[in-house]
Amino acid sequence: MLGTILIIILILAVLGALPTWGHSRSWGYAPTGGLGLVLVIVIILVLLGRI
């Protein structure tokens, strides 16, 4: 249950950090890449049963 909530929150954060939105246009792709990496790690941990 906790893993599913974490994945949903991280997906929403990645979508919010995309540089296509007005508030994040000047940020570039760095926040999206970092959040994407965290998302991949959480997905792997959920699949391995650690979360």
Protein backbone atom coordinates (compact mmCIF):
# COMPACT_ATOMS: atom_id res chain seq x y z
CA MET A 1 0.00 0.00 0.00
CA LEU A 2 2.79 2.42 0.91
CA GLY A 3 4.65 1.59 -2.29
CA THR A 4 1.63 2.40 -4.44
CA ILE A 5 1.17 5.75 -2.73
CA LEU A 6 4.87 6.57 -3.19
CA ILE A 7 4.73 5.71 -6.88
CA ILE A 8 1.66 7.87 -7.47
CA ILE A 9 3.20 10.84 -5.64
CA LEU A 10 6.47 10.51 -7.56
CA ILE A 11 4.68 10.27 -10.93
CA LEU A 12 2.78 13.46 -10.13
CA ALA A 13 6.02 15.16 -9.07
CA VAL A 14 7.74 14.15 -12.32
CA LEU A 15 4.82 15.51 -14.35
CA GLY A 16 4.88 18.75 -12.37
CA ALA A 17 8.63 19.20 -12.95
CA LEU A 18 8.50 18.81 -16.73
CA PRO A 19 9.84 21.97 -18.40
CA THR A 20 6.72 22.31 -20.56
CA TRP A 21 4.80 23.95 -17.70
CA GLY A 22 5.09 27.71 -17.18
CA HIS A 23 6.37 27.54 -13.60
CA SER A 24 9.21 25.12 -14.42
CA ARG A 25 10.31 26.24 -17.87
CA SER A 26 13.57 27.79 -16.61
CA TRP A 27 14.54 24.73 -14.55
CA GLY A 28 15.52 22.55 -17.52
CA TYR A 29 15.43 18.76 -17.31
CA ALA A 30 17.46 18.33 -14.09
CA PRO A 31 14.53 18.04 -11.64
CA THR A 32 12.70 15.64 -13.93
CA GLY A 33 15.76 13.43 -14.25
CA GLY A 34 16.31 13.33 -10.51
CA LEU A 35 12.68 12.57 -9.75
CA GLY A 36 12.64 9.95 -12.50
CA LEU A 37 15.64 8.23 -10.93
CA VAL A 38 13.92 8.18 -7.53
CA LEU A 39 10.78 6.81 -9.21
CA VAL A 40 12.73 3.97 -10.82
CA ILE A 41 14.39 3.09 -7.50
CA VAL A 42 11.03 3.03 -5.68
CA ILE A 43 9.49 0.84 -8.40
CA ILE A 44 12.39 -1.62 -8.13
CA LEU A 45 12.05 -1.72 -4.33
CA VAL A 46 8.30 -2.35 -4.61
CA LEU A 47 8.84 -5.17 -7.11
CA LEU A 48 11.47 -6.74 -4.83
CA GLY A 49 9.09 -6.52 -1.87
CA ARG A 50 11.26 -4.19 0.22
CA ILE A 51 8.55 -1.52 0.57
